[in-house]
Amino acid sequence: MSGLFNAFVDMFDTATIASIVAGASALLFATMGETISEKAGVINLSVDGSMMLAALAGFVVAFETDTVWLGFPAAAAVGVAVALLIAFANIKLSLNQVAVGFVLFALCTELSRFLGNGYVGRPPVGVPAWGIPGLKSIPFLGPVMFDHNVVVYLAYLTVIATYLFMYRTRRGLELQGIGERPEAAHSRGIAVNKMRYLYTALGGALIGIGGAAFSLDVKLGWADRPTRNLGWIVLAIVIFGGWHPLRAAFGVLLFGALQAYAIKLVPEFPSLSQVLPSIPFPAMILVLVIVNWKALLKWLDRYPFLRAILRSDPPTAIGTRFEIN
């Protein structure tokens, strides 16, 4: 028990918290992207494979050009292409979003493995560190928030920008409208399907950037399926976060904390060294089940303030096709 307690206490030291924040950047980008897409009514189930193929594209372009910053637009382009395929299949071909997304997940996963064989073990090209002068010297807050690199800071800004756009702008309200009541949005002159293409592409771009952030910053280099299962965690976090950017960002940090705690437990339980790093994945699913437990939801209905914090219903028209009569 002392080992468990000591590992828990170590979770609150500055270096550990800073590492959790730094490692969250890839998932923050991808989670914001999926939140935007699903708010518009399109489920991008290909996230895991899309992130993986984007991570490869970002690494390959950065490696071949020796310019790390070119890797991010390349990865974004991959994310956009995959996302638009899902939107096109649903809007124009009347195919099921979930089925198409799952097929693209499998395709992107196998493509990344096949195309990435020649780049396994190649010297990584990484984003240079850039602590913000002055701010990084603030006790505790400085090393935790302001002693990272541009990618991490952009991840913060993406979360803030997503929240402000969704809830503080007219366009953001329109985005919510096409995911909640597309018929009503259409009657107000909003081009529902056109906007769904736009926001699905934007979401895909952020998912692609998340993949590049992983191979060029979080875990440098390319290995076989480096982002394996993280895309599924993104989908779970979006639901856990109630399709709200700030709550989803909290979910990302919670997952990062679970990962850090599991790693710290390895020296205490060396016989479980292969098992412990996997614990955060079922743990996040367990949290998701608890948050959506019917008895808990019924209890929350008695307390509107807590309900607003802990519960959100999915967009009404999510996963559906909108036809203009």
Protein backbone atom coordinates (compact mmCIF):
# COMPACT_ATOMS: atom_id res chain seq x y z
CA MET A 1 0.00 0.00 0.00
CA SER A 2 2.89 2.36 0.72
CA GLY A 3 4.03 2.01 -2.88
CA LEU A 4 0.59 2.98 -4.15
CA PHE A 5 0.53 5.97 -1.81
CA ASN A 6 4.04 7.13 -2.73
CA ALA A 7 3.27 6.86 -6.44
CA PHE A 8 0.10 8.88 -5.88
CA VAL A 9 2.00 11.59 -3.98
CA ASP A 10 4.63 11.75 -6.74
CA MET A 11 1.84 12.52 -9.20
CA PHE A 12 1.65 16.03 -7.77
CA ASP A 13 5.27 17.06 -8.25
CA THR A 14 5.93 19.80 -10.79
CA ALA A 15 7.83 17.64 -13.27
CA THR A 16 5.08 15.00 -13.45
CA ILE A 17 2.29 17.52 -13.97
CA ALA A 18 4.38 19.31 -16.62
CA SER A 19 4.89 16.01 -18.45
CA ILE A 20 1.13 15.31 -18.37
CA VAL A 21 0.42 18.73 -19.89
CA ALA A 22 3.12 18.31 -22.55
CA GLY A 23 1.93 14.83 -23.49
CA ALA A 24 -1.69 15.97 -23.82
CA SER A 25 -1.16 18.10 -26.94
CA ALA A 26 -1.82 15.36 -29.52
CA LEU A 27 -5.05 14.24 -27.84
CA LEU A 28 -6.21 17.82 -27.33
CA PHE A 29 -6.00 18.55 -31.06
CA ALA A 30 -7.74 15.31 -32.00
CA THR A 31 -10.43 15.65 -29.32
CA MET A 32 -11.28 19.19 -30.39
CA GLY A 33 -11.46 18.01 -34.00
CA GLU A 34 -13.83 15.16 -33.21
CA THR A 35 -15.94 17.42 -30.98
CA ILE A 36 -16.40 19.89 -33.85
CA SER A 37 -17.25 17.12 -36.32
CA GLU A 38 -19.80 15.46 -34.05
CA LYS A 39 -21.33 18.81 -33.10
CA ALA A 40 -22.02 19.23 -36.82
CA GLY A 41 -23.68 15.81 -36.88
CA VAL A 42 -20.89 13.72 -38.45
CA ILE A 43 -19.26 10.87 -36.53
CA ASN A 44 -15.67 10.33 -37.65
CA LEU A 45 -15.07 6.78 -36.47
CA SER A 46 -11.81 6.59 -38.42
CA VAL A 47 -9.97 8.69 -35.79
CA ASP A 48 -7.57 5.95 -34.69
CA GLY A 49 -6.48 5.05 -38.22
CA SER A 50 -6.59 8.66 -39.41
CA MET A 51 -4.28 9.77 -36.58
CA MET A 52 -1.90 6.94 -37.38
CA LEU A 53 -1.70 7.70 -41.10
CA ALA A 54 -1.37 11.44 -40.34
CA ALA A 55 1.40 10.71 -37.84
CA LEU A 56 3.26 8.83 -40.59
CA ALA A 57 2.68 11.59 -43.16
CA GLY A 58 3.89 14.23 -40.74
CA PHE A 59 7.00 12.29 -39.84
CA VAL A 60 7.88 11.37 -43.43
CA VAL A 61 7.54 14.94 -44.72
CA ALA A 62 9.50 16.35 -41.78
CA PHE A 63 12.19 13.69 -42.19
CA GLU A 64 12.55 14.02 -45.97
CA THR A 65 12.58 17.84 -45.96
CA ASP A 66 14.43 18.16 -42.64
CA THR A 67 11.81 20.78 -41.72
CA VAL A 68 9.60 19.77 -38.82
CA TRP A 69 6.97 22.43 -39.49
CA LEU A 70 6.13 21.04 -42.94
CA GLY A 71 5.01 17.82 -41.30
CA PHE A 72 1.97 19.42 -39.69
CA PRO A 73 0.19 20.67 -42.85
CA ALA A 74 0.92 17.31 -44.50
CA ALA A 75 -0.70 15.50 -41.59
CA ALA A 76 -3.62 17.93 -41.60
CA ALA A 77 -4.17 17.22 -45.31
CA VAL A 78 -4.41 13.48 -44.59
CA GLY A 79 -6.92 14.13 -41.81
CA VAL A 80 -9.02 16.35 -44.09
CA ALA A 81 -9.03 13.77 -46.92
CA VAL A 82 -10.22 10.95 -44.66
CA ALA A 83 -12.87 13.11 -42.97
CA LEU A 84 -14.24 14.36 -46.30
CA LEU A 85 -14.57 10.77 -47.53
CA ILE A 86 -16.87 10.07 -44.58
CA ALA A 87 -18.91 13.22 -45.19
CA PHE A 88 -19.17 12.52 -48.95
CA ALA A 89 -20.17 8.88 -48.40
CA ASN A 90 -22.95 9.96 -46.06
CA ILE A 91 -24.22 13.12 -47.78
CA LYS A 92 -23.93 12.08 -51.43
CA LEU A 93 -23.97 8.28 -51.32
CA SER A 94 -26.37 7.84 -48.38
CA LEU A 95 -23.98 5.43 -46.66
CA ASN A 96 -23.85 4.91 -42.91
CA GLN A 97 -21.27 7.18 -41.25
CA VAL A 98 -20.28 4.60 -38.65
CA ALA A 99 -19.75 1.81 -41.18
CA VAL A 100 -17.72 4.02 -43.53
CA GLY A 101 -15.68 5.39 -40.64
CA PHE A 102 -14.81 1.91 -39.40
CA VAL A 103 -13.74 0.77 -42.87
CA LEU A 104 -11.53 3.85 -43.22
CA PHE A 105 -10.06 3.20 -39.77
CA ALA A 106 -8.96 -0.26 -40.90
CA LEU A 107 -7.71 1.02 -44.26
CA CYS A 108 -5.68 3.88 -42.75
CA THR A 109 -4.22 1.59 -40.11
CA GLU A 110 -2.98 -0.96 -42.63
CA LEU A 111 -1.74 1.77 -45.00
CA SER A 112 0.29 3.36 -42.23
CA ARG A 113 1.88 0.01 -41.38
CA PHE A 114 2.68 -0.77 -45.02
CA LEU A 115 3.95 2.68 -46.01
CA GLY A 116 5.80 3.22 -42.75
CA ASN A 117 7.97 0.09 -42.87
CA GLY A 118 10.88 1.96 -44.40
CA TYR A 119 10.84 4.66 -41.75
CA VAL A 120 10.88 2.55 -38.61
CA GLY A 121 13.91 3.51 -36.53
CA ARG A 122 14.84 6.52 -38.65
CA PRO A 123 16.28 9.47 -36.68
CA PRO A 124 13.38 11.53 -35.36
CA VAL A 125 12.75 15.13 -36.28
CA GLY A 126 11.30 16.92 -33.28
CA VAL A 127 9.71 20.25 -32.42
CA PRO A 128 12.26 22.43 -30.59
CA ALA A 129 11.53 23.49 -27.02
CA TRP A 130 10.59 27.10 -26.50
CA GLY A 131 9.91 28.26 -22.98
CA ILE A 132 8.07 31.59 -22.88
CA PRO A 133 10.49 34.18 -21.42
CA GLY A 134 9.32 35.56 -18.11
CA LEU A 135 6.28 33.30 -17.78
CA LYS A 136 8.34 30.12 -17.49
CA SER A 137 9.97 31.53 -14.36
CA ILE A 138 6.70 31.72 -12.42
CA PRO A 139 6.87 29.22 -9.54
CA PHE A 140 5.04 25.97 -10.31
CA LEU A 141 2.79 27.47 -13.00
CA GLY A 142 5.79 28.43 -15.17
CA PRO A 143 7.29 24.96 -15.69
CA VAL A 144 3.85 23.35 -15.83
CA MET A 145 2.28 25.63 -18.44
CA PHE A 146 4.91 27.82 -20.09
CA ASP A 147 8.11 25.79 -20.48
CA HIS A 148 7.18 23.56 -23.42
CA ASN A 149 7.08 24.28 -27.16
CA VAL A 150 4.86 25.95 -29.73
CA VAL A 151 2.80 22.80 -30.39
CA VAL A 152 1.75 22.56 -26.74
CA TYR A 153 0.82 26.25 -26.61
CA LEU A 154 -1.19 25.88 -29.82
CA ALA A 155 -3.04 22.96 -28.24
CA TYR A 156 -4.08 25.27 -25.33
CA LEU A 157 -5.21 27.91 -27.80
CA THR A 158 -7.14 25.35 -29.87
CA VAL A 159 -9.19 24.36 -26.83
CA ILE A 160 -9.94 27.99 -25.95
CA ALA A 161 -10.71 28.93 -29.56
CA THR A 162 -13.03 25.93 -29.99
CA TYR A 163 -14.97 26.86 -26.86
CA LEU A 164 -15.24 30.54 -27.77
CA PHE A 165 -16.27 29.74 -31.32
CA MET A 166 -18.96 27.27 -30.32
CA TYR A 167 -20.54 29.24 -27.51
CA ARG A 168 -19.68 32.87 -28.15
CA THR A 169 -20.14 33.38 -31.89
CA ARG A 170 -23.06 33.25 -34.31
CA ARG A 171 -21.24 30.77 -36.53
CA GLY A 172 -20.77 28.53 -33.51
CA LEU A 173 -24.48 28.59 -32.79
CA GLU A 174 -25.09 27.67 -36.42
CA LEU A 175 -22.67 24.77 -36.02
CA GLN A 176 -24.68 23.50 -33.07
CA GLY A 177 -27.88 24.04 -35.02
CA ILE A 178 -26.91 21.79 -37.93
CA GLY A 179 -26.07 19.02 -35.45
CA GLU A 180 -29.18 19.48 -33.31
CA ARG A 181 -31.98 20.51 -35.69
CA PRO A 182 -30.77 20.59 -39.29
CA GLU A 183 -34.30 21.15 -40.63
CA ALA A 184 -34.67 24.31 -38.53
CA ALA A 185 -31.18 25.46 -39.55
CA HIS A 186 -32.08 24.93 -43.23
CA SER A 187 -35.29 26.95 -42.83
CA ARG A 188 -33.14 29.84 -41.57
CA GLY A 189 -31.07 29.81 -44.74
CA ILE A 190 -28.10 27.78 -43.47
CA ALA A 191 -26.58 25.40 -46.03
CA VAL A 192 -26.58 22.37 -43.74
CA ASN A 193 -24.68 19.89 -45.91
CA LYS A 194 -22.16 22.50 -47.06
CA MET A 195 -21.47 23.39 -43.43
CA ARG A 196 -21.17 19.72 -42.52
CA TYR A 197 -18.50 19.31 -45.18
CA LEU A 198 -16.69 22.37 -43.82
CA TYR A 199 -16.76 21.39 -40.15
CA THR A 200 -15.98 17.74 -40.84
CA ALA A 201 -12.92 18.88 -42.83
CA LEU A 202 -11.90 21.22 -40.01
CA GLY A 203 -12.29 18.42 -37.50
CA GLY A 204 -10.26 16.11 -39.72
CA ALA A 205 -7.49 18.70 -40.01
CA LEU A 206 -7.22 18.90 -36.22
CA ILE A 207 -7.20 15.11 -35.95
CA GLY A 208 -4.37 15.04 -38.50
CA ILE A 209 -2.43 17.69 -36.58
CA GLY A 210 -2.92 15.55 -33.48
CA GLY A 211 -1.28 12.65 -35.30
CA ALA A 212 1.68 14.82 -36.31
CA ALA A 213 1.97 16.17 -32.77
CA PHE A 214 2.39 12.59 -31.61
CA SER A 215 5.17 11.53 -34.01
CA LEU A 216 6.96 14.91 -34.03
CA ASP A 217 6.60 15.91 -30.39
CA VAL A 218 5.03 13.49 -27.88
CA LYS A 219 6.88 10.32 -28.94
CA LEU A 220 9.49 11.20 -31.51
CA GLY A 221 9.94 8.97 -34.52
CA TRP A 222 7.95 6.31 -36.30
CA ALA A 223 7.24 2.83 -34.99
CA ASP A 224 4.67 0.22 -35.93
CA ARG A 225 1.23 1.65 -35.00
CA PRO A 226 2.55 4.33 -32.61
CA THR A 227 -0.84 5.91 -31.87
CA ARG A 228 -2.60 2.56 -31.46
CA ASN A 229 -5.94 2.84 -29.62
CA LEU A 230 -5.54 6.57 -28.89
CA GLY A 231 -8.18 7.36 -31.51
CA TRP A 232 -10.69 5.22 -29.64
CA ILE A 233 -9.81 7.07 -26.45
CA VAL A 234 -10.50 10.34 -28.31
CA LEU A 235 -13.98 9.10 -29.18
CA ALA A 236 -14.56 8.06 -25.57
CA ILE A 237 -13.31 11.41 -24.23
CA VAL A 238 -15.66 13.34 -26.54
CA ILE A 239 -18.59 11.42 -25.03
CA PHE A 240 -17.17 11.76 -21.50
CA GLY A 241 -16.81 15.50 -22.11
CA GLY A 242 -20.42 15.77 -23.19
CA TRP A 243 -19.44 17.27 -26.56
CA HIS A 244 -18.12 20.32 -24.67
CA PRO A 245 -14.55 21.48 -25.47
CA LEU A 246 -13.54 22.36 -21.89
CA ARG A 247 -14.90 19.17 -20.38
CA ALA A 248 -13.28 17.14 -23.16
CA ALA A 249 -9.94 18.87 -22.42
CA PHE A 250 -10.34 17.86 -18.77
CA GLY A 251 -10.92 14.29 -19.95
CA VAL A 252 -7.66 14.39 -21.92
CA LEU A 253 -5.74 15.55 -18.85
CA LEU A 254 -7.44 12.87 -16.72
CA PHE A 255 -6.35 10.20 -19.18
CA GLY A 256 -2.81 11.62 -19.13
CA ALA A 257 -2.80 11.51 -15.33
CA LEU A 258 -3.95 7.88 -15.35
CA GLN A 259 -1.13 7.03 -17.77
CA ALA A 260 1.46 8.79 -15.61
CA TYR A 261 0.22 7.06 -12.46
CA ALA A 262 0.29 3.65 -14.17
CA ILE A 263 3.89 4.21 -15.27
CA LYS A 264 4.91 5.24 -11.75
CA LEU A 265 3.47 1.99 -10.39
CA VAL A 266 5.68 -0.18 -12.62
CA PRO A 267 8.71 -0.16 -10.22
CA GLU A 268 6.38 -1.17 -7.38
CA PHE A 269 4.88 -4.07 -9.33
CA PRO A 270 7.53 -5.21 -11.85
CA SER A 271 5.64 -8.43 -12.58
CA LEU A 272 2.81 -6.30 -14.01
CA SER A 273 5.07 -4.10 -16.15
CA GLN A 274 3.31 -5.26 -19.34
CA VAL A 275 -0.17 -4.75 -17.91
CA LEU A 276 -0.01 -1.46 -16.02
CA PRO A 277 0.56 0.86 -19.03
CA SER A 278 -2.71 -0.50 -20.49
CA ILE A 279 -4.78 0.21 -17.37
CA PRO A 280 -5.73 3.81 -18.37
CA PHE A 281 -7.65 2.53 -21.41
CA PRO A 282 -10.22 0.39 -19.55
CA ALA A 283 -10.18 2.94 -16.72
CA MET A 284 -11.40 5.67 -19.10
CA ILE A 285 -14.12 3.35 -20.41
CA LEU A 286 -15.16 2.64 -16.80
CA VAL A 287 -15.37 6.37 -16.09
CA LEU A 288 -17.47 6.76 -19.24
CA VAL A 289 -19.85 4.01 -18.08
CA ILE A 290 -20.18 5.61 -14.63
CA VAL A 291 -20.85 9.08 -16.08
CA ASN A 292 -23.64 7.59 -18.23
CA TRP A 293 -25.02 5.29 -15.52
CA LYS A 294 -28.81 5.63 -15.54
CA ALA A 295 -29.11 5.88 -11.76
CA LEU A 296 -26.52 8.66 -11.67
CA LEU A 297 -28.21 10.53 -14.52
CA LYS A 298 -31.56 10.27 -12.76
CA TRP A 299 -30.02 11.61 -9.56
CA LEU A 300 -28.37 14.48 -11.46
CA ASP A 301 -31.75 15.56 -12.79
CA ARG A 302 -32.58 16.73 -9.25
CA TYR A 303 -29.64 19.13 -9.25
CA PRO A 304 -29.57 21.32 -12.40
CA PHE A 305 -26.18 22.85 -11.54
CA LEU A 306 -24.45 19.47 -11.22
CA ARG A 307 -26.31 18.18 -14.26
CA ALA A 308 -24.97 21.06 -16.35
CA ILE A 309 -21.42 20.18 -15.26
CA LEU A 310 -21.50 16.39 -15.45
CA ARG A 311 -24.07 15.56 -18.09
CA SER A 312 -24.65 16.53 -21.69
CA ASP A 313 -26.78 14.80 -24.27
CA PRO A 314 -25.37 14.06 -27.75
CA PRO A 315 -26.36 16.29 -30.66
CA THR A 316 -29.84 15.20 -31.69
CA ALA A 317 -29.02 14.69 -35.38
CA ILE A 318 -25.60 13.09 -34.88
CA GLY A 319 -24.92 10.31 -37.36
CA THR A 320 -27.96 11.14 -39.48
CA ARG A 321 -28.19 12.27 -43.10
CA PHE A 322 -29.96 15.50 -43.98
CA GLU A 323 -31.93 15.58 -47.21
CA ILE A 324 -33.35 18.74 -48.76
CA ASN A 325 -36.95 18.11 -49.72
